Amino acid sequence: MAMQLYPERSIRYLYEVGIHGGIRRAAEALDVDPAAVSRQLSQLARDMQLPLLERRGRNVVLTEAGKLLAEDYAQTRQRRSQLERQLKDLRHKRGGSISLRVGQGMVDEVVKHVLQPFSQTFPEVFIDILSGDMQTTVTLITKGDVDMGVGFGPAGPPGLKCHSFNRGPICAIVRSDHPIAQNEQVDVAELARYSLISMNKDFGIQSYMNVMFNQEGLVFSPAYNCNLFSSAIALSQAGMGIAFMTAKVVEEVLASRDLVAVPVRHRIARESQCHLLRSADHRFTPAAQHLWQLLMQFFEQSTAA
């Protein structure tokens, strides 16, 4: 079959539709017009002389032919990604490379307790450290763009190899002179009386807070919204509102007694988790496997402590 029947852009659109379960959601992820995606896929189906999509309820799924094309695209993308890393290693004369994505609130811990000892064992390995929300982390790992990730959220994502660890209770982070600072715990209803600081909707911590408020018949109505934990901490230090995170995220600030962490009295708050993620199909180099084991050991010991 002629190579022009395998246009990479159209097959990439098909792959994204399979990942996201719909043309509109795939178009949003690709940042393109849904109509353009639909046209490309219609033309691809005509060229292939096979149906590539079928509707099931509200979702769109790939047919057998669509799955074959999408799987080939994913494998090709992964091989190219590995090739790019190997070429990068040769350019920099390094002993391999690892791409690691870590949720914002855990970067300091991972650097101090995991990457420092790792670099002593594998000093020549290049590590690309990224930070961001868990949903994007899952997408990048699925596509083969990231080797492994650490995310924070209510549930481990399906389709990936996942180990979950307790992070301790979600706390209200307030200045020591705040009215709730002396409480042993604080109810969700009481929190609603004060100025609140939210994180962007992609943050796992905000998902937890929204669910807790919803279960209490309340709406989480913040006075401020942040896309960095450091911004939320600064607002809290200035006495401008209550931030929310686990005590582990603000250990150093708490040690200086500028801020106080008051656990939220709610079942969900007690069960907050982080997730160590990797693709079940991706083979690790010895260095990547060692880093994975160090991450596992650190979070297991942190949970036990």
C-alpha atoms as a PDB file:
ATOM      1  CA  MET A   1       0.000   0.000   0.000  1.00  0.00           C
ATOM      2  CA  ALA A   2       1.370   3.413  -0.967  1.00  0.00           C
ATOM      3  CA  MET A   3       3.032   5.434   1.822  1.00  0.00           C
ATOM      4  CA  GLN A   4       0.736   8.409   1.153  1.00  0.00           C
ATOM      5  CA  LEU A   5      -2.080   6.352   2.701  1.00  0.00           C
ATOM      6  CA  TYR A   6      -0.341   6.716   6.085  1.00  0.00           C
ATOM      7  CA  PRO A   7      -0.338  10.497   6.637  1.00  0.00           C
ATOM      8  CA  GLU A   8       1.249  11.059  10.037  1.00  0.00           C
ATOM      9  CA  ARG A   9      -0.893  14.040  11.037  1.00  0.00           C
ATOM     10  CA  SER A  10      -4.172  12.247  10.354  1.00  0.00           C
ATOM     11  CA  ILE A  11      -3.039   9.119  12.195  1.00  0.00           C
ATOM     12  CA  ARG A  12      -1.915  11.269  15.107  1.00  0.00           C
ATOM     13  CA  TYR A  13      -5.442  12.742  15.221  1.00  0.00           C
ATOM     14  CA  LEU A  14      -6.851   9.208  15.188  1.00  0.00           C
ATOM     15  CA  TYR A  15      -4.549   8.211  18.050  1.00  0.00           C
ATOM     16  CA  GLU A  16      -5.634  11.218  20.139  1.00  0.00           C
ATOM     17  CA  VAL A  17      -9.320  10.433  19.532  1.00  0.00           C
ATOM     18  CA  GLY A  18      -8.658   6.903  20.822  1.00  0.00           C
ATOM     19  CA  ILE A  19      -6.911   8.293  23.925  1.00  0.00           C
ATOM     20  CA  HIS A  20      -9.537  10.944  24.740  1.00  0.00           C
ATOM     21  CA  GLY A  21     -12.681   9.108  23.612  1.00  0.00           C
ATOM     22  CA  GLY A  22     -14.044  11.835  21.364  1.00  0.00           C
ATOM     23  CA  ILE A  23     -13.182  14.195  18.506  1.00  0.00           C
ATOM     24  CA  ARG A  24     -13.876  17.384  20.482  1.00  0.00           C
ATOM     25  CA  ARG A  25     -11.759  16.294  23.470  1.00  0.00           C
ATOM     26  CA  ALA A  26      -8.949  15.215  21.135  1.00  0.00           C
ATOM     27  CA  ALA A  27      -9.117  18.562  19.323  1.00  0.00           C
ATOM     28  CA  GLU A  28      -8.829  20.414  22.651  1.00  0.00           C
ATOM     29  CA  ALA A  29      -5.741  18.358  23.560  1.00  0.00           C
ATOM     30  CA  LEU A  30      -4.233  19.079  20.137  1.00  0.00           C
ATOM     31  CA  ASP A  31      -5.339  22.747  20.221  1.00  0.00           C
ATOM     32  CA  VAL A  32      -6.922  22.476  16.766  1.00  0.00           C
ATOM     33  CA  ASP A  33     -10.429  22.981  15.359  1.00  0.00           C
ATOM     34  CA  PRO A  34     -12.654  19.885  15.910  1.00  0.00           C
ATOM     35  CA  ALA A  35     -13.914  20.285  12.326  1.00  0.00           C
ATOM     36  CA  ALA A  36     -10.360  19.954  11.029  1.00  0.00           C
ATOM     37  CA  VAL A  37      -9.885  16.737  13.008  1.00  0.00           C
ATOM     38  CA  SER A  38     -13.173  15.359  11.691  1.00  0.00           C
ATOM     39  CA  ARG A  39     -12.253  16.196   8.073  1.00  0.00           C
ATOM     40  CA  GLN A  40      -8.830  14.595   8.349  1.00  0.00           C
ATOM     41  CA  LEU A  41     -10.239  11.401   9.836  1.00  0.00           C
ATOM     42  CA  SER A  42     -13.011  11.182   7.227  1.00  0.00           C
ATOM     43  CA  GLN A  43     -10.428  11.506   4.454  1.00  0.00           C
ATOM     44  CA  LEU A  44      -8.197   8.910   6.117  1.00  0.00           C
ATOM     45  CA  ALA A  45     -11.105   6.440   6.317  1.00  0.00           C
ATOM     46  CA  ARG A  46     -11.876   7.004   2.618  1.00  0.00           C
ATOM     47  CA  ASP A  47      -8.229   6.478   1.667  1.00  0.00           C
ATOM     48  CA  MET A  48      -8.011   3.321   3.755  1.00  0.00           C
ATOM     49  CA  GLN A  49     -11.428   2.116   2.505  1.00  0.00           C
ATOM     50  CA  LEU A  50     -12.149   1.008   6.075  1.00  0.00           C
ATOM     51  CA  PRO A  51     -14.194   2.475   8.959  1.00  0.00           C
ATOM     52  CA  LEU A  52     -11.859   3.831  11.645  1.00  0.00           C
ATOM     53  CA  LEU A  53     -14.311   5.153  14.255  1.00  0.00           C
ATOM     54  CA  GLU A  54     -17.578   4.016  15.764  1.00  0.00           C
ATOM     55  CA  ARG A  55     -19.833   5.602  18.355  1.00  0.00           C
ATOM     56  CA  ARG A  56     -20.614   3.904  21.664  1.00  0.00           C
ATOM     57  CA  GLY A  57     -22.978   5.956  23.774  1.00  0.00           C
ATOM     58  CA  ARG A  58     -21.422   9.386  24.250  1.00  0.00           C
ATOM     59  CA  ASN A  59     -17.928   8.226  23.356  1.00  0.00           C
ATOM     60  CA  VAL A  60     -16.210   7.569  20.060  1.00  0.00           C
ATOM     61  CA  VAL A  61     -13.993   4.467  19.941  1.00  0.00           C
ATOM     62  CA  LEU A  62     -11.603   3.074  17.363  1.00  0.00           C
ATOM     63  CA  THR A  63     -12.524   0.160  15.140  1.00  0.00           C
ATOM     64  CA  GLU A  64     -10.084  -2.739  14.712  1.00  0.00           C
ATOM     65  CA  ALA A  65      -8.512  -0.954  11.745  1.00  0.00           C
ATOM     66  CA  GLY A  66      -8.325   2.270  13.749  1.00  0.00           C
ATOM     67  CA  LYS A  67      -6.629   0.484  16.644  1.00  0.00           C
ATOM     68  CA  LEU A  68      -3.996  -1.004  14.320  1.00  0.00           C
ATOM     69  CA  LEU A  69      -3.126   2.426  12.940  1.00  0.00           C
ATOM     70  CA  ALA A  70      -3.097   4.042  16.398  1.00  0.00           C
ATOM     71  CA  GLU A  71      -0.925   1.299  17.903  1.00  0.00           C
ATOM     72  CA  ASP A  72       1.563   1.588  15.058  1.00  0.00           C
ATOM     73  CA  TYR A  73       1.669   5.368  15.567  1.00  0.00           C
ATOM     74  CA  ALA A  74       2.281   4.948  19.320  1.00  0.00           C
ATOM     75  CA  GLN A  75       5.079   2.411  18.761  1.00  0.00           C
ATOM     76  CA  THR A  76       6.707   4.590  16.098  1.00  0.00           C
ATOM     77  CA  ARG A  77       6.498   7.621  18.380  1.00  0.00           C
ATOM     78  CA  GLN A  78       8.084   5.697  21.248  1.00  0.00           C
ATOM     79  CA  ARG A  79      10.914   4.446  19.022  1.00  0.00           C
ATOM     80  CA  ARG A  80      11.564   7.969  17.771  1.00  0.00           C
ATOM     81  CA  SER A  81      11.527   9.330  21.316  1.00  0.00           C
ATOM     82  CA  GLN A  82      14.094   6.714  22.353  1.00  0.00           C
ATOM     83  CA  LEU A  83      16.207   7.507  19.296  1.00  0.00           C
ATOM     84  CA  GLU A  84      16.149  11.221  20.153  1.00  0.00           C
ATOM     85  CA  ARG A  85      17.284  10.472  23.700  1.00  0.00           C
ATOM     86  CA  GLN A  86      20.106   8.239  22.443  1.00  0.00           C
ATOM     87  CA  LEU A  87      21.257  10.906  19.984  1.00  0.00           C
ATOM     88  CA  LYS A  88      21.119  13.494  22.779  1.00  0.00           C
ATOM     89  CA  ASP A  89      23.274  11.211  24.904  1.00  0.00           C
ATOM     90  CA  LEU A  90      25.837  10.949  22.102  1.00  0.00           C
ATOM     91  CA  ARG A  91      25.860  14.725  21.593  1.00  0.00           C
ATOM     92  CA  HIS A  92      26.503  15.310  25.269  1.00  0.00           C
ATOM     93  CA  LYS A  93      28.614  12.164  25.763  1.00  0.00           C
ATOM     94  CA  ARG A  94      26.385  11.144  28.643  1.00  0.00           C
ATOM     95  CA  GLY A  95      25.564   7.722  30.016  1.00  0.00           C
ATOM     96  CA  GLY A  96      21.896   7.793  29.011  1.00  0.00           C
ATOM     97  CA  SER A  97      18.975  10.033  29.861  1.00  0.00           C
ATOM     98  CA  ILE A  98      15.789   9.815  31.934  1.00  0.00           C
ATOM     99  CA  SER A  99      12.704  12.005  31.741  1.00  0.00           C
ATOM    100  CA  LEU A 100      11.000  12.449  35.129  1.00  0.00           C
ATOM    101  CA  ARG A 101       7.834  14.466  35.788  1.00  0.00           C
ATOM    102  CA  VAL A 102       7.029  15.460  39.379  1.00  0.00           C
ATOM    103  CA  GLY A 103       4.046  17.262  40.900  1.00  0.00           C
ATOM    104  CA  GLN A 104       4.981  20.721  42.166  1.00  0.00           C
ATOM    105  CA  GLY A 105       4.504  19.988  45.836  1.00  0.00           C
ATOM    106  CA  MET A 106       6.938  17.056  45.762  1.00  0.00           C
ATOM    107  CA  VAL A 107       9.879  18.452  43.771  1.00  0.00           C
ATOM    108  CA  ASP A 108      11.963  19.443  46.815  1.00  0.00           C
ATOM    109  CA  GLU A 109      11.570  16.018  48.431  1.00  0.00           C
ATOM    110  CA  VAL A 110      12.401  14.109  45.265  1.00  0.00           C
ATOM    111  CA  VAL A 111      15.493  16.209  44.571  1.00  0.00           C
ATOM    112  CA  LYS A 112      16.816  15.930  48.119  1.00  0.00           C
ATOM    113  CA  HIS A 113      15.995  12.311  48.938  1.00  0.00           C
ATOM    114  CA  VAL A 114      16.051  10.613  45.523  1.00  0.00           C
ATOM    115  CA  LEU A 115      17.986  12.530  42.869  1.00  0.00           C
ATOM    116  CA  GLN A 116      20.939  13.330  45.105  1.00  0.00           C
ATOM    117  CA  PRO A 117      21.722   9.666  45.909  1.00  0.00           C
ATOM    118  CA  PHE A 118      20.904   8.657  42.331  1.00  0.00           C
ATOM    119  CA  SER A 119      23.432  11.125  40.877  1.00  0.00           C
ATOM    120  CA  GLN A 120      26.139   9.634  43.074  1.00  0.00           C
ATOM    121  CA  THR A 121      25.549   6.180  41.549  1.00  0.00           C
ATOM    122  CA  PHE A 122      24.911   7.370  37.957  1.00  0.00           C
ATOM    123  CA  PRO A 123      26.769  10.707  37.629  1.00  0.00           C
ATOM    124  CA  GLU A 124      26.810  10.584  33.805  1.00  0.00           C
ATOM    125  CA  VAL A 125      23.068  10.128  33.338  1.00  0.00           C
ATOM    126  CA  PHE A 126      21.194  13.183  32.065  1.00  0.00           C
ATOM    127  CA  ILE A 127      17.860  13.765  33.859  1.00  0.00           C
ATOM    128  CA  ASP A 128      15.144  15.933  32.356  1.00  0.00           C
ATOM    129  CA  ILE A 129      12.973  17.091  35.297  1.00  0.00           C
ATOM    130  CA  LEU A 130       9.520  18.452  34.502  1.00  0.00           C
ATOM    131  CA  SER A 131       6.726  19.612  36.773  1.00  0.00           C
ATOM    132  CA  GLY A 132       2.972  19.748  36.243  1.00  0.00           C
ATOM    133  CA  ASP A 133      -0.474  18.304  36.853  1.00  0.00           C
ATOM    134  CA  MET A 134      -1.135  14.557  36.968  1.00  0.00           C
ATOM    135  CA  GLN A 135      -3.448  14.381  33.945  1.00  0.00           C
ATOM    136  CA  THR A 136      -0.752  15.814  31.674  1.00  0.00           C
ATOM    137  CA  THR A 137       1.788  13.505  33.310  1.00  0.00           C
ATOM    138  CA  VAL A 138      -0.404  10.492  32.477  1.00  0.00           C
ATOM    139  CA  THR A 139      -0.773  11.646  28.863  1.00  0.00           C
ATOM    140  CA  LEU A 140       2.983  12.170  28.423  1.00  0.00           C
ATOM    141  CA  ILE A 141       3.828   8.769  29.925  1.00  0.00           C
ATOM    142  CA  THR A 142       1.206   7.094  27.724  1.00  0.00           C
ATOM    143  CA  LYS A 143       2.714   8.725  24.640  1.00  0.00           C
ATOM    144  CA  GLY A 144       6.256   7.710  25.648  1.00  0.00           C
ATOM    145  CA  ASP A 145       7.431  11.322  26.097  1.00  0.00           C
ATOM    146  CA  VAL A 146       8.144  10.814  29.818  1.00  0.00           C
ATOM    147  CA  ASP A 147       9.707   7.738  31.438  1.00  0.00           C
ATOM    148  CA  MET A 148       8.102   8.021  34.864  1.00  0.00           C
ATOM    149  CA  GLY A 149       6.194  10.473  37.018  1.00  0.00           C
ATOM    150  CA  VAL A 150       5.028  11.325  40.516  1.00  0.00           C
ATOM    151  CA  GLY A 151       1.538  12.823  40.779  1.00  0.00           C
ATOM    152  CA  PHE A 152      -0.888  13.808  43.517  1.00  0.00           C
ATOM    153  CA  GLY A 153      -4.605  13.121  43.232  1.00  0.00           C
ATOM    154  CA  PRO A 154      -7.698  11.281  44.451  1.00  0.00           C
ATOM    155  CA  ALA A 155      -7.114   8.086  42.428  1.00  0.00           C
ATOM    156  CA  GLY A 156      -4.401   6.324  40.503  1.00  0.00           C
ATOM    157  CA  PRO A 157      -5.053   6.564  36.740  1.00  0.00           C
ATOM    158  CA  PRO A 158      -6.033   3.451  34.753  1.00  0.00           C
ATOM    159  CA  GLY A 159      -3.809   2.043  32.039  1.00  0.00           C
ATOM    160  CA  LEU A 160      -0.463   2.677  33.730  1.00  0.00           C
ATOM    161  CA  LYS A 161       1.662   0.825  36.241  1.00  0.00           C
ATOM    162  CA  CYS A 162       0.865   2.692  39.443  1.00  0.00           C
ATOM    163  CA  HIS A 163       1.970   2.526  43.081  1.00  0.00           C
ATOM    164  CA  SER A 164       0.035   4.735  45.506  1.00  0.00           C
ATOM    165  CA  PHE A 165       1.288   6.136  48.800  1.00  0.00           C
ATOM    166  CA  ASN A 166      -0.413   8.016  51.626  1.00  0.00           C
ATOM    167  CA  ARG A 167       0.737  11.627  51.945  1.00  0.00           C
ATOM    168  CA  GLY A 168      -0.762  12.406  55.327  1.00  0.00           C
ATOM    169  CA  PRO A 169      -3.813  14.593  55.932  1.00  0.00           C
ATOM    170  CA  ILE A 170      -4.660  17.597  53.820  1.00  0.00           C
ATOM    171  CA  CYS A 171      -4.216  20.653  56.029  1.00  0.00           C
ATOM    172  CA  ALA A 172      -5.389  24.231  56.171  1.00  0.00           C
ATOM    173  CA  ILE A 173      -2.197  26.304  56.001  1.00  0.00           C
ATOM    174  CA  VAL A 174      -2.596  29.531  57.986  1.00  0.00           C
ATOM    175  CA  ARG A 175      -0.543  32.133  59.777  1.00  0.00           C
ATOM    176  CA  SER A 176      -0.024  31.498  63.484  1.00  0.00           C
ATOM    177  CA  ASP A 177      -2.353  34.403  64.405  1.00  0.00           C
ATOM    178  CA  HIS A 178      -5.263  33.114  62.274  1.00  0.00           C
ATOM    179  CA  PRO A 179      -8.470  32.261  64.225  1.00  0.00           C
ATOM    180  CA  ILE A 180      -8.186  28.520  63.396  1.00  0.00           C
ATOM    181  CA  ALA A 181      -4.426  28.250  64.037  1.00  0.00           C
ATOM    182  CA  GLN A 182      -4.881  26.735  67.517  1.00  0.00           C
ATOM    183  CA  ASN A 183      -7.406  24.109  66.419  1.00  0.00           C
ATOM    184  CA  GLU A 184      -6.388  20.453  66.443  1.00  0.00           C
ATOM    185  CA  GLN A 185      -8.602  19.992  63.359  1.00  0.00           C
ATOM    186  CA  VAL A 186     -10.928  22.174  61.338  1.00  0.00           C
ATOM    187  CA  ASP A 187     -14.311  21.310  59.804  1.00  0.00           C
ATOM    188  CA  VAL A 188     -15.075  22.061  56.164  1.00  0.00           C
ATOM    189  CA  ALA A 189     -18.067  24.176  57.205  1.00  0.00           C
ATOM    190  CA  GLU A 190     -15.823  26.354  59.374  1.00  0.00           C
ATOM    191  CA  LEU A 191     -13.349  26.833  56.528  1.00  0.00           C
ATOM    192  CA  ALA A 192     -16.129  28.281  54.382  1.00  0.00           C
ATOM    193  CA  ARG A 193     -16.357  31.257  56.749  1.00  0.00           C
ATOM    194  CA  TYR A 194     -12.870  32.523  55.826  1.00  0.00           C
ATOM    195  CA  SER A 195     -10.958  33.786  52.805  1.00  0.00           C
ATOM    196  CA  LEU A 196      -9.733  30.760  50.835  1.00  0.00           C
ATOM    197  CA  ILE A 197      -6.854  30.230  48.407  1.00  0.00           C
ATOM    198  CA  SER A 198      -7.363  27.731  45.590  1.00  0.00           C
ATOM    199  CA  MET A 199      -4.981  26.048  43.186  1.00  0.00           C
ATOM    200  CA  ASN A 200      -5.690  25.655  39.477  1.00  0.00           C
ATOM    201  CA  LYS A 201      -8.248  22.963  38.656  1.00  0.00           C
ATOM    202  CA  ASP A 202      -5.490  20.667  37.328  1.00  0.00           C
ATOM    203  CA  PHE A 203      -3.925  20.359  40.793  1.00  0.00           C
ATOM    204  CA  GLY A 204      -4.804  17.149  42.637  1.00  0.00           C
ATOM    205  CA  ILE A 205      -5.117  19.031  45.930  1.00  0.00           C
ATOM    206  CA  GLN A 206      -7.881  21.196  44.459  1.00  0.00           C
ATOM    207  CA  SER A 207      -9.788  18.110  43.311  1.00  0.00           C
ATOM    208  CA  TYR A 208      -9.744  16.887  46.907  1.00  0.00           C
ATOM    209  CA  MET A 209     -10.973  20.241  48.262  1.00  0.00           C
ATOM    210  CA  ASN A 210     -13.786  20.539  45.706  1.00  0.00           C
ATOM    211  CA  VAL A 211     -15.066  17.042  46.519  1.00  0.00           C
ATOM    212  CA  MET A 212     -14.990  17.671  50.291  1.00  0.00           C
ATOM    213  CA  PHE A 213     -16.887  20.938  49.993  1.00  0.00           C
ATOM    214  CA  ASN A 214     -19.394  19.309  47.638  1.00  0.00           C
ATOM    215  CA  GLN A 215     -20.035  16.460  50.068  1.00  0.00           C
ATOM    216  CA  GLU A 216     -20.809  19.017  52.776  1.00  0.00           C
ATOM    217  CA  GLY A 217     -23.289  20.801  50.483  1.00  0.00           C
ATOM    218  CA  LEU A 218     -20.926  23.768  50.070  1.00  0.00           C
ATOM    219  CA  VAL A 219     -19.175  25.474  47.169  1.00  0.00           C
ATOM    220  CA  PHE A 220     -15.456  26.156  47.329  1.00  0.00           C
ATOM    221  CA  SER A 221     -15.411  29.920  46.652  1.00  0.00           C
ATOM    222  CA  PRO A 222     -11.823  31.232  46.780  1.00  0.00           C
ATOM    223  CA  ALA A 223     -10.641  34.784  47.111  1.00  0.00           C
ATOM    224  CA  TYR A 224      -7.419  33.922  45.249  1.00  0.00           C
ATOM    225  CA  ASN A 225      -6.378  31.306  42.692  1.00  0.00           C
ATOM    226  CA  CYS A 226      -2.774  30.206  42.121  1.00  0.00           C
ATOM    227  CA  ASN A 227      -0.832  28.041  39.709  1.00  0.00           C
ATOM    228  CA  LEU A 228       2.174  27.747  42.034  1.00  0.00           C
ATOM    229  CA  PHE A 229       2.298  26.414  45.580  1.00  0.00           C
ATOM    230  CA  SER A 230       4.829  29.132  46.392  1.00  0.00           C
ATOM    231  CA  SER A 231       2.228  31.778  45.509  1.00  0.00           C
ATOM    232  CA  ALA A 232      -0.383  30.154  47.760  1.00  0.00           C
ATOM    233  CA  ILE A 233       2.141  29.949  50.603  1.00  0.00           C
ATOM    234  CA  ALA A 234       3.078  33.627  50.158  1.00  0.00           C
ATOM    235  CA  LEU A 235      -0.586  34.656  50.324  1.00  0.00           C
ATOM    236  CA  SER A 236      -1.065  32.593  53.457  1.00  0.00           C
ATOM    237  CA  GLN A 237       2.072  34.073  55.068  1.00  0.00           C
ATOM    238  CA  ALA A 238       0.682  37.520  54.354  1.00  0.00           C
ATOM    239  CA  GLY A 239      -2.487  36.599  56.265  1.00  0.00           C
ATOM    240  CA  MET A 240      -4.634  36.941  53.151  1.00  0.00           C
ATOM    241  CA  GLY A 241      -6.292  33.537  53.223  1.00  0.00           C
ATOM    242  CA  ILE A 242      -6.150  29.808  53.910  1.00  0.00           C
ATOM    243  CA  ALA A 243      -4.093  27.616  51.582  1.00  0.00           C
ATOM    244  CA  PHE A 244      -4.458  23.847  51.391  1.00  0.00           C
ATOM    245  CA  MET A 245      -1.742  21.214  51.056  1.00  0.00           C
ATOM    246  CA  THR A 246      -0.160  18.398  53.006  1.00  0.00           C
ATOM    247  CA  ALA A 247       2.253  19.337  55.774  1.00  0.00           C
ATOM    248  CA  LYS A 248       5.095  17.687  53.814  1.00  0.00           C
ATOM    249  CA  VAL A 249       4.901  20.428  51.185  1.00  0.00           C
ATOM    250  CA  VAL A 250       5.557  23.199  53.735  1.00  0.00           C
ATOM    251  CA  GLU A 251       7.846  21.404  56.206  1.00  0.00           C
ATOM    252  CA  GLU A 252      10.556  24.089  56.117  1.00  0.00           C
ATOM    253  CA  VAL A 253       8.092  26.969  56.533  1.00  0.00           C
ATOM    254  CA  LEU A 254       6.367  25.158  59.399  1.00  0.00           C
ATOM    255  CA  ALA A 255       9.720  24.641  61.091  1.00  0.00           C
ATOM    256  CA  SER A 256      10.232  28.418  61.126  1.00  0.00           C
ATOM    257  CA  ARG A 257       6.800  28.770  62.806  1.00  0.00           C
ATOM    258  CA  ASP A 258       5.633  31.361  60.261  1.00  0.00           C
ATOM    259  CA  LEU A 259       2.730  29.101  59.332  1.00  0.00           C
ATOM    260  CA  VAL A 260       0.610  26.423  61.006  1.00  0.00           C
ATOM    261  CA  ALA A 261      -0.840  23.297  59.368  1.00  0.00           C
ATOM    262  CA  VAL A 262      -4.292  22.398  60.737  1.00  0.00           C
ATOM    263  CA  PRO A 263      -5.648  19.010  59.468  1.00  0.00           C
ATOM    264  CA  VAL A 264      -9.038  19.181  57.767  1.00  0.00           C
ATOM    265  CA  ARG A 265     -11.572  16.991  59.615  1.00  0.00           C
ATOM    266  CA  HIS A 266     -12.875  14.852  56.742  1.00  0.00           C
ATOM    267  CA  ARG A 267     -12.412  11.254  55.591  1.00  0.00           C
ATOM    268  CA  ILE A 268     -11.131  12.345  52.184  1.00  0.00           C
ATOM    269  CA  ALA A 269      -8.557  14.658  53.758  1.00  0.00           C
ATOM    270  CA  ARG A 270      -7.147  11.747  55.776  1.00  0.00           C
ATOM    271  CA  GLU A 271      -6.719   9.576  52.683  1.00  0.00           C
ATOM    272  CA  SER A 272      -4.751  11.860  50.342  1.00  0.00           C
ATOM    273  CA  GLN A 273      -2.347   9.970  48.098  1.00  0.00           C
ATOM    274  CA  CYS A 274       0.470  10.438  45.653  1.00  0.00           C
ATOM    275  CA  HIS A 275       1.071   8.041  42.770  1.00  0.00           C
ATOM    276  CA  LEU A 276       4.287   6.745  41.242  1.00  0.00           C
ATOM    277  CA  LEU A 277       3.598   6.109  37.548  1.00  0.00           C
ATOM    278  CA  ARG A 278       5.187   4.445  34.538  1.00  0.00           C
ATOM    279  CA  SER A 279       4.067   2.729  31.357  1.00  0.00           C
ATOM    280  CA  ALA A 280       3.532  -1.002  31.724  1.00  0.00           C
ATOM    281  CA  ASP A 281       5.021  -1.527  28.242  1.00  0.00           C
ATOM    282  CA  HIS A 282       8.094   0.711  28.475  1.00  0.00           C
ATOM    283  CA  ARG A 283      11.396  -1.065  29.179  1.00  0.00           C
ATOM    284  CA  PHE A 284      13.708   0.794  31.512  1.00  0.00           C
ATOM    285  CA  THR A 285      17.465   1.129  31.212  1.00  0.00           C
ATOM    286  CA  PRO A 286      19.409  -0.027  34.312  1.00  0.00           C
ATOM    287  CA  ALA A 287      19.729   3.629  35.385  1.00  0.00           C
ATOM    288  CA  ALA A 288      16.003   4.291  34.989  1.00  0.00           C
ATOM    289  CA  GLN A 289      15.177   1.097  36.887  1.00  0.00           C
ATOM    290  CA  HIS A 290      17.469   2.227  39.721  1.00  0.00           C
ATOM    291  CA  LEU A 291      15.767   5.636  39.857  1.00  0.00           C
ATOM    292  CA  TRP A 292      12.363   3.928  39.931  1.00  0.00           C
ATOM    293  CA  GLN A 293      13.479   1.760  42.866  1.00  0.00           C
ATOM    294  CA  LEU A 294      14.817   4.800  44.747  1.00  0.00           C
ATOM    295  CA  LEU A 295      11.473   6.572  44.283  1.00  0.00           C
ATOM    296  CA  MET A 296       9.624   3.484  45.507  1.00  0.00           C
ATOM    297  CA  GLN A 297      11.856   3.193  48.584  1.00  0.00           C
ATOM    298  CA  PHE A 298      11.565   6.875  49.446  1.00  0.00           C
ATOM    299  CA  PHE A 299       7.751   6.976  49.296  1.00  0.00           C
ATOM    300  CA  GLU A 300       7.419   3.661  51.139  1.00  0.00           C
ATOM    301  CA  GLN A 301       9.652   4.965  53.954  1.00  0.00           C
ATOM    302  CA  SER A 302       7.880   8.327  53.942  1.00  0.00           C
ATOM    303  CA  THR A 303       4.504   6.594  54.278  1.00  0.00           C
ATOM    304  CA  ALA A 304       5.752   4.392  57.110  1.00  0.00           C
ATOM    305  CA  ALA A 305       7.138   7.420  58.932  1.00  0.00           C
END
